[in-house]
Amino acid sequence: MSVEAPPTIIPQAEQRRAAWALLLAAPIAWALTTTPGLCGGQPGDSSLIFPQLANGGGIRSEIILTNPGAAVEEGTIEFFEPSGDPWQLGIGAAGAGSLRYRIEPGGAFRLETDGAGPPLSGYLTVSPDRAEHSLSGISGYRLGEFEVSVPASSLSTRLHVFVEQSPGTRSGVAIVNPQQSFLQILLRLINSEGDLIASRILNLPARNQVAQ
């Protein structure tokens, strides 16, 4: 029996924003992407956030940024552990907690982690030099027979996303609080008829990430 329901993720303090991603895993190769959420509240800043990244134990993450605009895009990519501490990732021949990128108009930027060390997860932020940028991006990794795809996310105070659990598909949610203050988030699970099934409070410290 499959279970399908759209949960609502609501930061309790409206002035505070969180970044999120719905992670879908299925035993097919890159045919599955994440489901977009319906967002409300104040928009976030110009940064892009990838709320879930994995590396180690042979797991490699691939990150792709694209620039469909007419101007050159430059900026900084930073990697973080779930605790918010800098994450020294193996990229190419060296480890890096941050790196610079430059993308020509109509171009793309791709990087891949090395998969070395024990399996770990975290998140990354992309901070463009230009506030009015045109960047978009996606990342992904293979976890056993599953492929996980994570799009770049912006900050929001209210989110509504679809989740599913069935023999061939499992959904997960990753949430990042990139701000310097504690965040309390109300999670509500609602079935396809709009009935409330369950709810809980998630306490997320400053700059922390949670993925379940």
N, C-alpha and C. Protein backbone atom coordinates (compact mmCIF):
# COMPACT_ATOMS: atom_id res chain seq x y z
N MET A 1 0.85 -1.18 0.00
CA MET A 1 0.00 0.00 0.00
C MET A 1 0.89 1.25 0.00
N SER A 2 0.61 2.16 -0.85
CA SER A 2 1.37 3.40 -0.89
C SER A 2 0.71 4.45 -0.01
N VAL A 3 1.52 5.37 0.51
CA VAL A 3 1.01 6.46 1.33
C VAL A 3 1.45 7.76 0.68
N GLU A 4 0.49 8.61 0.36
CA GLU A 4 0.80 9.87 -0.29
C GLU A 4 0.18 11.00 0.51
N ALA A 5 0.96 12.04 0.79
CA ALA A 5 0.43 13.17 1.55
C ALA A 5 1.34 14.38 1.38
N PRO A 6 0.77 15.58 1.28
CA PRO A 6 1.58 16.79 1.23
C PRO A 6 1.73 17.42 2.60
N PRO A 7 2.96 17.45 3.19
CA PRO A 7 3.12 18.11 4.48
C PRO A 7 3.35 19.60 4.31
N THR A 8 3.00 20.37 5.30
CA THR A 8 3.30 21.79 5.30
C THR A 8 4.40 22.05 6.31
N ILE A 9 5.40 22.81 5.92
CA ILE A 9 6.54 23.13 6.77
C ILE A 9 6.49 24.62 7.04
N ILE A 10 6.27 25.03 8.29
CA ILE A 10 6.05 26.43 8.60
C ILE A 10 6.98 26.88 9.70
N PRO A 11 7.99 27.73 9.42
CA PRO A 11 8.77 28.31 10.51
C PRO A 11 7.85 29.10 11.43
N GLN A 12 7.97 28.91 12.74
CA GLN A 12 7.08 29.54 13.70
C GLN A 12 7.22 31.06 13.71
N ALA A 13 8.44 31.56 13.60
CA ALA A 13 8.64 33.00 13.56
C ALA A 13 8.66 33.44 12.10
N GLU A 14 7.69 34.25 11.70
CA GLU A 14 7.52 34.58 10.30
C GLU A 14 8.70 35.35 9.72
N GLN A 15 9.46 36.06 10.57
CA GLN A 15 10.57 36.84 10.04
C GLN A 15 11.78 35.96 9.76
N ARG A 16 11.75 34.72 10.15
CA ARG A 16 12.87 33.82 9.94
C ARG A 16 12.55 32.87 8.80
N ARG A 17 13.58 32.51 8.05
CA ARG A 17 13.35 31.71 6.86
C ARG A 17 14.26 30.49 6.87
N ALA A 18 13.78 29.43 6.26
CA ALA A 18 14.56 28.20 6.13
C ALA A 18 14.61 27.80 4.67
N ALA A 19 15.64 27.07 4.32
CA ALA A 19 15.74 26.49 2.99
C ALA A 19 15.41 25.01 3.10
N TRP A 20 14.84 24.45 2.05
CA TRP A 20 14.37 23.08 2.14
C TRP A 20 14.58 22.38 0.80
N ALA A 21 14.52 21.07 0.85
CA ALA A 21 14.45 20.28 -0.38
C ALA A 21 13.70 19.00 -0.07
N LEU A 22 12.84 18.60 -0.97
CA LEU A 22 12.20 17.29 -0.87
C LEU A 22 13.03 16.32 -1.67
N LEU A 23 13.52 15.27 -1.03
CA LEU A 23 14.38 14.30 -1.68
C LEU A 23 13.57 13.07 -2.04
N LEU A 24 13.58 12.71 -3.30
CA LEU A 24 12.90 11.49 -3.73
C LEU A 24 13.95 10.49 -4.18
N ALA A 25 13.82 9.27 -3.75
CA ALA A 25 14.77 8.23 -4.15
C ALA A 25 14.01 7.09 -4.80
N ALA A 26 14.49 6.67 -5.96
CA ALA A 26 13.85 5.56 -6.66
C ALA A 26 14.93 4.76 -7.39
N PRO A 27 14.73 3.45 -7.59
CA PRO A 27 15.75 2.63 -8.24
C PRO A 27 15.76 2.82 -9.75
N ILE A 28 15.94 4.05 -10.20
CA ILE A 28 16.05 4.36 -11.62
C ILE A 28 17.14 5.41 -11.76
N ALA A 29 17.74 5.52 -12.92
CA ALA A 29 18.91 6.37 -13.11
C ALA A 29 18.52 7.77 -13.58
N TRP A 30 18.59 8.71 -12.70
CA TRP A 30 18.40 10.13 -12.99
C TRP A 30 17.09 10.44 -13.68
N ALA A 31 16.11 9.56 -13.54
CA ALA A 31 14.81 9.85 -14.13
C ALA A 31 13.90 10.56 -13.16
N LEU A 32 14.36 10.71 -11.93
CA LEU A 32 13.52 11.28 -10.89
C LEU A 32 14.17 12.54 -10.35
N THR A 33 13.43 13.64 -10.31
CA THR A 33 13.92 14.87 -9.71
C THR A 33 13.06 15.19 -8.51
N THR A 34 13.46 16.20 -7.76
CA THR A 34 12.68 16.56 -6.58
C THR A 34 11.41 17.27 -6.98
N THR A 35 10.42 17.16 -6.12
CA THR A 35 9.14 17.80 -6.35
C THR A 35 9.18 19.23 -5.85
N PRO A 36 8.78 20.22 -6.67
CA PRO A 36 8.79 21.60 -6.19
C PRO A 36 7.74 21.83 -5.13
N GLY A 37 8.02 22.72 -4.22
CA GLY A 37 7.07 23.06 -3.18
C GLY A 37 6.36 24.36 -3.51
N LEU A 38 5.27 24.60 -2.84
CA LEU A 38 4.55 25.86 -2.95
C LEU A 38 4.97 26.73 -1.78
N CYS A 39 5.58 27.86 -2.07
CA CYS A 39 6.19 28.68 -1.04
C CYS A 39 5.38 29.94 -0.80
N GLY A 40 5.38 30.39 0.45
CA GLY A 40 4.74 31.64 0.79
C GLY A 40 5.62 32.44 1.73
N GLY A 41 5.21 33.63 2.08
CA GLY A 41 6.00 34.46 2.98
C GLY A 41 7.03 35.26 2.23
N GLN A 42 7.95 35.86 2.98
CA GLN A 42 8.96 36.73 2.39
C GLN A 42 10.01 35.90 1.65
N PRO A 43 10.45 36.36 0.46
CA PRO A 43 11.51 35.65 -0.24
C PRO A 43 12.83 35.80 0.50
N GLY A 44 13.74 34.89 0.23
CA GLY A 44 15.04 34.95 0.88
C GLY A 44 15.98 35.88 0.16
N ASP A 45 17.29 35.83 0.53
CA ASP A 45 18.27 36.66 -0.14
C ASP A 45 18.64 36.02 -1.47
N SER A 46 19.71 36.52 -2.09
CA SER A 46 20.05 36.05 -3.43
C SER A 46 20.83 34.74 -3.43
N SER A 47 21.17 34.20 -2.27
CA SER A 47 21.94 32.96 -2.21
C SER A 47 21.09 31.76 -2.63
N LEU A 48 21.75 30.76 -3.19
CA LEU A 48 21.13 29.47 -3.46
C LEU A 48 21.65 28.49 -2.43
N ILE A 49 20.78 27.61 -1.95
CA ILE A 49 21.17 26.63 -0.94
C ILE A 49 20.78 25.24 -1.42
N PHE A 50 21.74 24.32 -1.35
CA PHE A 50 21.48 22.92 -1.63
C PHE A 50 21.39 22.23 -0.27
N PRO A 51 20.16 21.94 0.21
CA PRO A 51 20.01 21.47 1.60
C PRO A 51 20.56 20.07 1.89
N GLN A 52 20.95 19.34 0.87
CA GLN A 52 21.49 17.99 1.13
C GLN A 52 22.63 17.71 0.16
N LEU A 53 23.73 17.24 0.72
CA LEU A 53 24.91 16.86 -0.05
C LEU A 53 25.52 15.66 0.65
N ALA A 54 26.01 14.69 -0.11
CA ALA A 54 26.60 13.49 0.48
C ALA A 54 27.95 13.21 -0.17
N ASN A 55 28.87 12.66 0.63
CA ASN A 55 30.18 12.29 0.12
C ASN A 55 30.82 11.26 1.04
N GLY A 56 31.59 10.35 0.46
CA GLY A 56 32.32 9.36 1.25
C GLY A 56 31.74 7.97 1.11
N GLY A 57 32.55 6.98 1.44
CA GLY A 57 32.12 5.60 1.29
C GLY A 57 31.81 5.25 -0.15
N GLY A 58 32.46 5.92 -1.08
CA GLY A 58 32.20 5.71 -2.51
C GLY A 58 31.09 6.57 -3.07
N ILE A 59 30.38 7.28 -2.21
CA ILE A 59 29.30 8.17 -2.67
C ILE A 59 29.92 9.48 -3.15
N ARG A 60 29.58 9.89 -4.35
CA ARG A 60 30.05 11.14 -4.91
C ARG A 60 28.85 12.02 -5.23
N SER A 61 28.95 13.29 -4.90
CA SER A 61 27.91 14.25 -5.26
C SER A 61 28.36 15.06 -6.46
N GLU A 62 27.44 15.31 -7.37
CA GLU A 62 27.69 16.16 -8.52
C GLU A 62 26.85 17.42 -8.37
N ILE A 63 27.47 18.58 -8.55
CA ILE A 63 26.77 19.86 -8.45
C ILE A 63 26.90 20.58 -9.78
N ILE A 64 25.79 21.04 -10.32
CA ILE A 64 25.77 21.75 -11.60
C ILE A 64 25.07 23.08 -11.42
N LEU A 65 25.74 24.17 -11.80
CA LEU A 65 25.15 25.50 -11.85
C LEU A 65 25.04 25.93 -13.30
N THR A 66 23.95 26.56 -13.68
CA THR A 66 23.77 27.04 -15.04
C THR A 66 23.47 28.53 -15.03
N ASN A 67 23.91 29.20 -16.08
CA ASN A 67 23.71 30.63 -16.22
C ASN A 67 22.99 30.92 -17.54
N PRO A 68 21.66 31.01 -17.53
CA PRO A 68 20.93 31.28 -18.77
C PRO A 68 20.89 32.77 -19.12
N GLY A 69 21.48 33.61 -18.28
CA GLY A 69 21.41 35.06 -18.49
C GLY A 69 22.43 35.57 -19.49
N ALA A 70 22.45 36.90 -19.64
CA ALA A 70 23.33 37.56 -20.62
C ALA A 70 24.60 38.11 -19.98
N ALA A 71 24.76 37.97 -18.66
CA ALA A 71 25.93 38.50 -17.96
C ALA A 71 26.75 37.37 -17.36
N VAL A 72 28.04 37.61 -17.20
CA VAL A 72 28.91 36.64 -16.52
C VAL A 72 28.50 36.56 -15.05
N GLU A 73 28.43 35.34 -14.52
CA GLU A 73 28.09 35.14 -13.12
C GLU A 73 29.32 34.62 -12.37
N GLU A 74 29.65 35.28 -11.26
CA GLU A 74 30.74 34.85 -10.40
C GLU A 74 30.25 34.82 -8.96
N GLY A 75 30.91 34.02 -8.14
CA GLY A 75 30.52 33.95 -6.74
C GLY A 75 31.30 32.89 -6.00
N THR A 76 30.79 32.52 -4.82
CA THR A 76 31.49 31.60 -3.92
C THR A 76 30.58 30.44 -3.54
N ILE A 77 31.13 29.23 -3.56
CA ILE A 77 30.44 28.04 -3.08
C ILE A 77 31.08 27.64 -1.75
N GLU A 78 30.24 27.41 -0.73
CA GLU A 78 30.74 27.00 0.58
C GLU A 78 30.06 25.71 1.02
N PHE A 79 30.82 24.82 1.66
CA PHE A 79 30.32 23.53 2.10
C PHE A 79 30.26 23.50 3.63
N PHE A 80 29.17 22.91 4.16
CA PHE A 80 28.96 22.90 5.61
C PHE A 80 28.53 21.52 6.09
N GLU A 81 28.99 21.17 7.28
CA GLU A 81 28.50 19.98 7.97
C GLU A 81 27.09 20.27 8.53
N PRO A 82 26.33 19.24 8.93
CA PRO A 82 24.99 19.49 9.49
C PRO A 82 25.00 20.45 10.68
N SER A 83 26.12 20.51 11.41
CA SER A 83 26.24 21.41 12.56
C SER A 83 26.47 22.86 12.15
N GLY A 84 26.73 23.08 10.86
CA GLY A 84 27.03 24.43 10.39
C GLY A 84 28.51 24.74 10.33
N ASP A 85 29.36 23.81 10.79
CA ASP A 85 30.80 24.01 10.70
C ASP A 85 31.26 23.82 9.25
N PRO A 86 32.33 24.50 8.86
CA PRO A 86 32.85 24.31 7.50
C PRO A 86 33.20 22.85 7.24
N TRP A 87 32.93 22.39 6.04
CA TRP A 87 33.15 21.00 5.64
C TRP A 87 34.24 20.98 4.58
N GLN A 88 35.38 20.36 4.92
CA GLN A 88 36.48 20.25 3.97
C GLN A 88 36.23 19.05 3.07
N LEU A 89 35.73 19.32 1.88
CA LEU A 89 35.38 18.26 0.95
C LEU A 89 36.50 18.01 -0.04
N GLY A 90 36.66 16.74 -0.42
CA GLY A 90 37.62 16.41 -1.46
C GLY A 90 37.03 16.70 -2.82
N ILE A 91 37.62 17.67 -3.51
CA ILE A 91 37.17 18.04 -4.85
C ILE A 91 38.40 18.09 -5.74
N GLY A 92 38.44 17.22 -6.75
CA GLY A 92 39.63 17.16 -7.58
C GLY A 92 40.79 16.58 -6.79
N ALA A 93 41.92 17.26 -6.82
CA ALA A 93 43.12 16.75 -6.15
C ALA A 93 43.31 17.34 -4.76
N ALA A 94 42.40 18.20 -4.32
CA ALA A 94 42.58 18.86 -3.02
C ALA A 94 41.26 18.96 -2.28
N GLY A 95 41.37 19.22 -0.96
CA GLY A 95 40.18 19.45 -0.16
C GLY A 95 39.86 20.93 -0.13
N ALA A 96 38.58 21.24 -0.02
CA ALA A 96 38.18 22.65 -0.03
C ALA A 96 36.92 22.84 0.78
N GLY A 97 36.91 23.87 1.63
CA GLY A 97 35.70 24.24 2.35
C GLY A 97 34.91 25.28 1.57
N SER A 98 35.56 25.90 0.61
CA SER A 98 34.89 26.87 -0.26
C SER A 98 35.69 27.00 -1.54
N LEU A 99 35.06 27.49 -2.58
CA LEU A 99 35.74 27.73 -3.85
C LEU A 99 34.97 28.79 -4.63
N ARG A 100 35.66 29.39 -5.58
CA ARG A 100 35.07 30.40 -6.45
C ARG A 100 34.60 29.76 -7.76
N TYR A 101 33.59 30.37 -8.38
CA TYR A 101 33.13 29.92 -9.69
C TYR A 101 32.97 31.12 -10.61
N ARG A 102 33.04 30.87 -11.89
CA ARG A 102 32.79 31.86 -12.93
C ARG A 102 32.07 31.15 -14.07
N ILE A 103 30.92 31.68 -14.47
CA ILE A 103 30.11 31.05 -15.51
C ILE A 103 29.80 32.09 -16.58
N GLU A 104 30.20 31.80 -17.80
CA GLU A 104 29.92 32.69 -18.92
C GLU A 104 28.43 32.65 -19.25
N PRO A 105 27.91 33.69 -19.94
CA PRO A 105 26.50 33.69 -20.34
C PRO A 105 26.16 32.43 -21.14
N GLY A 106 25.10 31.78 -20.76
CA GLY A 106 24.68 30.55 -21.43
C GLY A 106 25.50 29.33 -21.05
N GLY A 107 26.43 29.50 -20.11
CA GLY A 107 27.32 28.41 -19.75
C GLY A 107 26.90 27.67 -18.50
N ALA A 108 27.76 26.76 -18.06
CA ALA A 108 27.48 25.94 -16.88
C ALA A 108 28.78 25.69 -16.12
N PHE A 109 28.63 25.37 -14.85
CA PHE A 109 29.75 25.05 -13.97
C PHE A 109 29.43 23.73 -13.29
N ARG A 110 30.36 22.78 -13.36
CA ARG A 110 30.13 21.45 -12.80
C ARG A 110 31.30 21.06 -11.90
N LEU A 111 30.97 20.46 -10.77
CA LEU A 111 32.01 19.89 -9.92
C LEU A 111 31.50 18.60 -9.31
N GLU A 112 32.43 17.76 -8.92
CA GLU A 112 32.09 16.47 -8.33
C GLU A 112 33.00 16.20 -7.15
N THR A 113 32.44 15.71 -6.06
CA THR A 113 33.24 15.37 -4.89
C THR A 113 33.95 14.04 -5.14
N ASP A 114 34.97 13.74 -4.33
CA ASP A 114 35.82 12.58 -4.63
C ASP A 114 35.34 11.26 -4.05
N GLY A 115 34.34 11.27 -3.16
CA GLY A 115 33.82 10.03 -2.60
C GLY A 115 34.71 9.37 -1.56
N ALA A 116 35.79 10.05 -1.16
CA ALA A 116 36.75 9.46 -0.22
C ALA A 116 36.29 9.61 1.22
N GLY A 117 36.84 8.74 2.10
CA GLY A 117 36.54 8.83 3.52
C GLY A 117 35.22 8.16 3.87
N PRO A 118 34.82 8.26 5.14
CA PRO A 118 33.55 7.67 5.57
C PRO A 118 32.37 8.44 4.98
N PRO A 119 31.19 7.80 4.83
CA PRO A 119 30.04 8.50 4.29
C PRO A 119 29.56 9.60 5.24
N LEU A 120 29.45 10.81 4.73
CA LEU A 120 29.00 11.97 5.49
C LEU A 120 28.02 12.77 4.65
N SER A 121 27.23 13.59 5.32
CA SER A 121 26.31 14.46 4.60
C SER A 121 26.38 15.86 5.18
N GLY A 122 25.86 16.82 4.44
CA GLY A 122 25.85 18.21 4.86
C GLY A 122 25.07 19.03 3.85
N TYR A 123 25.46 20.28 3.68
CA TYR A 123 24.79 21.14 2.72
C TYR A 123 25.77 22.14 2.15
N LEU A 124 25.38 22.83 1.10
CA LEU A 124 26.25 23.84 0.51
C LEU A 124 25.44 25.08 0.16
N THR A 125 26.12 26.22 0.14
CA THR A 125 25.50 27.48 -0.26
C THR A 125 26.25 28.05 -1.44
N VAL A 126 25.53 28.73 -2.31
CA VAL A 126 26.10 29.43 -3.46
C VAL A 126 25.77 30.90 -3.29
N SER A 127 26.80 31.73 -3.16
CA SER A 127 26.60 33.17 -2.93
C SER A 127 27.10 33.94 -4.16
N PRO A 128 26.18 34.33 -5.05
CA PRO A 128 26.59 35.09 -6.25
C PRO A 128 27.09 36.48 -5.87
N ASP A 129 28.04 36.98 -6.64
CA ASP A 129 28.52 38.35 -6.41
C ASP A 129 27.44 39.37 -6.75
N ARG A 130 26.61 39.06 -7.72
CA ARG A 130 25.53 39.96 -8.13
C ARG A 130 24.24 39.58 -7.42
N ALA A 131 23.57 40.58 -6.83
CA ALA A 131 22.29 40.30 -6.15
C ALA A 131 21.23 39.87 -7.15
N GLU A 132 21.20 40.48 -8.32
CA GLU A 132 20.21 40.16 -9.34
C GLU A 132 20.82 39.15 -10.32
N HIS A 133 21.04 37.95 -9.85
CA HIS A 133 21.66 36.93 -10.69
C HIS A 133 20.61 36.10 -11.41
N SER A 134 21.06 35.27 -12.34
CA SER A 134 20.14 34.41 -13.09
C SER A 134 20.50 32.93 -12.91
N LEU A 135 21.24 32.61 -11.86
CA LEU A 135 21.71 31.23 -11.65
C LEU A 135 20.58 30.27 -11.27
N SER A 136 20.74 29.05 -11.70
CA SER A 136 19.94 27.94 -11.19
C SER A 136 20.89 26.76 -11.02
N GLY A 137 20.45 25.73 -10.32
CA GLY A 137 21.36 24.63 -10.09
C GLY A 137 20.67 23.38 -9.58
N ILE A 138 21.39 22.28 -9.64
CA ILE A 138 20.89 21.01 -9.14
C ILE A 138 22.09 20.16 -8.73
N SER A 139 21.89 19.30 -7.76
CA SER A 139 22.93 18.36 -7.36
C SER A 139 22.31 16.98 -7.23
N GLY A 140 23.16 15.96 -7.22
CA GLY A 140 22.63 14.61 -7.10
C GLY A 140 23.72 13.64 -6.71
N TYR A 141 23.31 12.49 -6.21
CA TYR A 141 24.24 11.43 -5.86
C TYR A 141 23.52 10.09 -5.87
N ARG A 142 24.29 9.02 -5.99
CA ARG A 142 23.73 7.67 -5.96
C ARG A 142 23.91 7.09 -4.57
N LEU A 143 22.84 6.51 -4.04
CA LEU A 143 22.86 5.87 -2.72
C LEU A 143 22.40 4.43 -2.90
N GLY A 144 23.38 3.52 -3.05
CA GLY A 144 23.02 2.14 -3.36
C GLY A 144 22.37 2.06 -4.73
N GLU A 145 21.18 1.49 -4.79
CA GLU A 145 20.46 1.39 -6.06
C GLU A 145 19.59 2.61 -6.33
N PHE A 146 19.64 3.57 -5.42
CA PHE A 146 18.80 4.75 -5.56
C PHE A 146 19.58 5.94 -6.09
N GLU A 147 18.90 6.79 -6.83
CA GLU A 147 19.44 8.08 -7.24
C GLU A 147 18.70 9.18 -6.49
N VAL A 148 19.43 10.13 -5.93
CA VAL A 148 18.84 11.24 -5.19
C VAL A 148 19.17 12.54 -5.92
N SER A 149 18.15 13.35 -6.17
CA SER A 149 18.33 14.62 -6.87
C SER A 149 17.87 15.76 -5.98
N VAL A 150 18.68 16.80 -5.86
CA VAL A 150 18.39 17.93 -4.97
C VAL A 150 18.54 19.24 -5.74
N PRO A 151 17.46 19.98 -5.96
CA PRO A 151 17.60 21.26 -6.64
C PRO A 151 18.05 22.35 -5.68
N ALA A 152 18.60 23.44 -6.23
CA ALA A 152 18.91 24.60 -5.41
C ALA A 152 17.62 25.18 -4.86
N SER A 153 17.68 25.65 -3.61
CA SER A 153 16.50 26.16 -2.92
C SER A 153 16.76 27.59 -2.48
N SER A 154 15.68 28.36 -2.38
CA SER A 154 15.76 29.69 -1.78
C SER A 154 15.10 29.66 -0.41
N LEU A 155 15.20 30.73 0.34
CA LEU A 155 14.65 30.79 1.69
C LEU A 155 13.16 31.13 1.65
N SER A 156 12.42 30.58 2.59
CA SER A 156 10.99 30.84 2.66
C SER A 156 10.49 30.65 4.09
N THR A 157 9.35 31.23 4.40
CA THR A 157 8.74 31.08 5.71
C THR A 157 7.60 30.07 5.72
N ARG A 158 7.14 29.63 4.53
CA ARG A 158 6.02 28.68 4.47
C ARG A 158 6.18 27.81 3.23
N LEU A 159 6.10 26.50 3.41
CA LEU A 159 6.31 25.56 2.31
C LEU A 159 5.23 24.50 2.32
N HIS A 160 4.86 24.05 1.12
CA HIS A 160 3.86 22.99 0.97
C HIS A 160 4.38 22.04 -0.10
N VAL A 161 4.71 20.82 0.26
CA VAL A 161 5.34 19.89 -0.67
C VAL A 161 4.63 18.54 -0.65
N PHE A 162 4.81 17.79 -1.72
CA PHE A 162 4.20 16.47 -1.86
C PHE A 162 5.22 15.40 -1.48
N VAL A 163 4.78 14.40 -0.72
CA VAL A 163 5.64 13.27 -0.39
C VAL A 163 4.92 11.97 -0.70
N GLU A 164 5.70 10.92 -0.89
CA GLU A 164 5.14 9.61 -1.22
C GLU A 164 5.99 8.51 -0.62
N GLN A 165 5.33 7.46 -0.17
CA GLN A 165 6.03 6.26 0.27
C GLN A 165 5.34 5.06 -0.36
N SER A 166 6.09 4.30 -1.14
CA SER A 166 5.55 3.13 -1.82
C SER A 166 6.70 2.14 -2.01
N PRO A 167 6.42 0.92 -2.50
CA PRO A 167 7.51 -0.04 -2.67
C PRO A 167 8.65 0.46 -3.56
N GLY A 168 8.38 1.33 -4.52
CA GLY A 168 9.42 1.78 -5.43
C GLY A 168 9.93 3.18 -5.20
N THR A 169 9.30 3.92 -4.28
CA THR A 169 9.66 5.33 -4.09
C THR A 169 9.61 5.68 -2.61
N ARG A 170 10.61 6.44 -2.17
CA ARG A 170 10.61 6.96 -0.81
C ARG A 170 10.95 8.45 -0.86
N SER A 171 10.25 9.23 -0.06
CA SER A 171 10.50 10.66 0.00
C SER A 171 11.25 11.00 1.28
N GLY A 172 12.08 12.01 1.21
CA GLY A 172 12.75 12.54 2.39
C GLY A 172 12.75 14.06 2.31
N VAL A 173 12.90 14.70 3.43
CA VAL A 173 12.92 16.16 3.48
C VAL A 173 14.20 16.62 4.15
N ALA A 174 14.90 17.56 3.53
CA ALA A 174 16.08 18.18 4.12
C ALA A 174 15.78 19.66 4.34
N ILE A 175 16.10 20.16 5.52
CA ILE A 175 15.84 21.56 5.87
C ILE A 175 17.11 22.17 6.43
N VAL A 176 17.41 23.39 6.01
CA VAL A 176 18.58 24.12 6.48
C VAL A 176 18.14 25.45 7.08
N ASN A 177 18.70 25.78 8.23
CA ASN A 177 18.53 27.10 8.82
C ASN A 177 19.86 27.84 8.67
N PRO A 178 20.04 28.66 7.62
CA PRO A 178 21.34 29.29 7.37
C PRO A 178 21.56 30.57 8.18
N GLN A 179 20.59 30.92 9.01
CA GLN A 179 20.67 32.18 9.75
C GLN A 179 21.41 32.01 11.07
N GLN A 180 21.64 33.10 11.74
CA GLN A 180 22.42 33.10 12.98
C GLN A 180 21.56 32.92 14.23
N SER A 181 20.28 32.65 14.05
CA SER A 181 19.38 32.50 15.20
C SER A 181 18.64 31.17 15.14
N PHE A 182 18.23 30.69 16.30
CA PHE A 182 17.47 29.45 16.46
C PHE A 182 16.15 29.53 15.70
N LEU A 183 15.71 28.40 15.13
CA LEU A 183 14.48 28.36 14.35
C LEU A 183 13.59 27.23 14.85
N GLN A 184 12.31 27.53 15.09
CA GLN A 184 11.33 26.52 15.47
C GLN A 184 10.36 26.35 14.31
N ILE A 185 10.21 25.11 13.84
CA ILE A 185 9.43 24.83 12.63
C ILE A 185 8.29 23.88 12.97
N LEU A 186 7.10 24.22 12.51
CA LEU A 186 5.93 23.36 12.66
C LEU A 186 5.79 22.50 11.41
N LEU A 187 5.80 21.17 11.58
CA LEU A 187 5.60 20.23 10.49
C LEU A 187 4.21 19.62 10.61
N ARG A 188 3.48 19.65 9.51
CA ARG A 188 2.14 19.05 9.50
C ARG A 188 2.04 18.08 8.34
N LEU A 189 1.56 16.86 8.60
CA LEU A 189 1.33 15.86 7.58
C LEU A 189 -0.16 15.81 7.28
N ILE A 190 -0.51 16.05 6.02
CA ILE A 190 -1.90 16.15 5.59
C ILE A 190 -2.14 15.15 4.47
N ASN A 191 -3.23 14.40 4.54
CA ASN A 191 -3.49 13.41 3.50
C ASN A 191 -4.09 14.07 2.26
N SER A 192 -4.37 13.25 1.23
CA SER A 192 -4.84 13.79 -0.04
C SER A 192 -6.24 14.39 0.05
N GLU A 193 -6.96 14.11 1.15
CA GLU A 193 -8.28 14.72 1.36
C GLU A 193 -8.20 16.03 2.16
N GLY A 194 -6.98 16.39 2.56
CA GLY A 194 -6.81 17.62 3.33
C GLY A 194 -6.93 17.44 4.82
N ASP A 195 -7.00 16.20 5.30
CA ASP A 195 -7.12 15.93 6.74
C ASP A 195 -5.73 15.89 7.39
N LEU A 196 -5.63 16.48 8.58
CA LEU A 196 -4.39 16.46 9.33
C LEU A 196 -4.14 15.08 9.90
N ILE A 197 -3.00 14.47 9.57
CA ILE A 197 -2.65 13.13 10.03
C ILE A 197 -1.76 13.20 11.27
N ALA A 198 -0.79 14.10 11.24
CA ALA A 198 0.15 14.22 12.35
C ALA A 198 0.82 15.58 12.28
N SER A 199 1.41 15.99 13.40
CA SER A 199 2.17 17.24 13.43
C SER A 199 3.26 17.13 14.49
N ARG A 200 4.30 17.91 14.33
CA ARG A 200 5.37 17.94 15.31
C ARG A 200 6.14 19.25 15.17
N ILE A 201 6.85 19.60 16.24
CA ILE A 201 7.70 20.78 16.23
C ILE A 201 9.15 20.34 16.01
N LEU A 202 9.82 20.98 15.07
CA LEU A 202 11.23 20.72 14.81
C LEU A 202 12.03 21.94 15.26
N ASN A 203 12.96 21.72 16.19
CA ASN A 203 13.84 22.78 16.66
C ASN A 203 15.17 22.69 15.90
N LEU A 204 15.50 23.74 15.18
CA LEU A 204 16.69 23.73 14.34
C LEU A 204 17.62 24.88 14.73
N PRO A 205 18.77 24.55 15.35
CA PRO A 205 19.70 25.59 15.76
C PRO A 205 20.24 26.38 14.57
N ALA A 206 20.88 27.50 14.88
CA ALA A 206 21.44 28.37 13.86
C ALA A 206 22.43 27.61 12.98
N ARG A 207 22.31 27.79 11.66
CA ARG A 207 23.19 27.25 10.63
C ARG A 207 23.20 25.73 10.57
N ASN A 208 22.21 25.08 11.18
CA ASN A 208 22.15 23.63 11.18
C ASN A 208 21.30 23.10 10.04
N GLN A 209 21.51 21.81 9.76
CA GLN A 209 20.75 21.11 8.75
C GLN A 209 20.18 19.84 9.33
N VAL A 210 18.99 19.44 8.87
CA VAL A 210 18.43 18.15 9.24
C VAL A 210 17.88 17.51 7.98
N ALA A 211 18.08 16.21 7.84
CA ALA A 211 17.57 15.45 6.69
C ALA A 211 17.01 14.15 7.18
N GLN A 212 15.77 13.86 6.81
CA GLN A 212 15.10 12.63 7.25
C GLN A 212 14.27 12.06 6.12
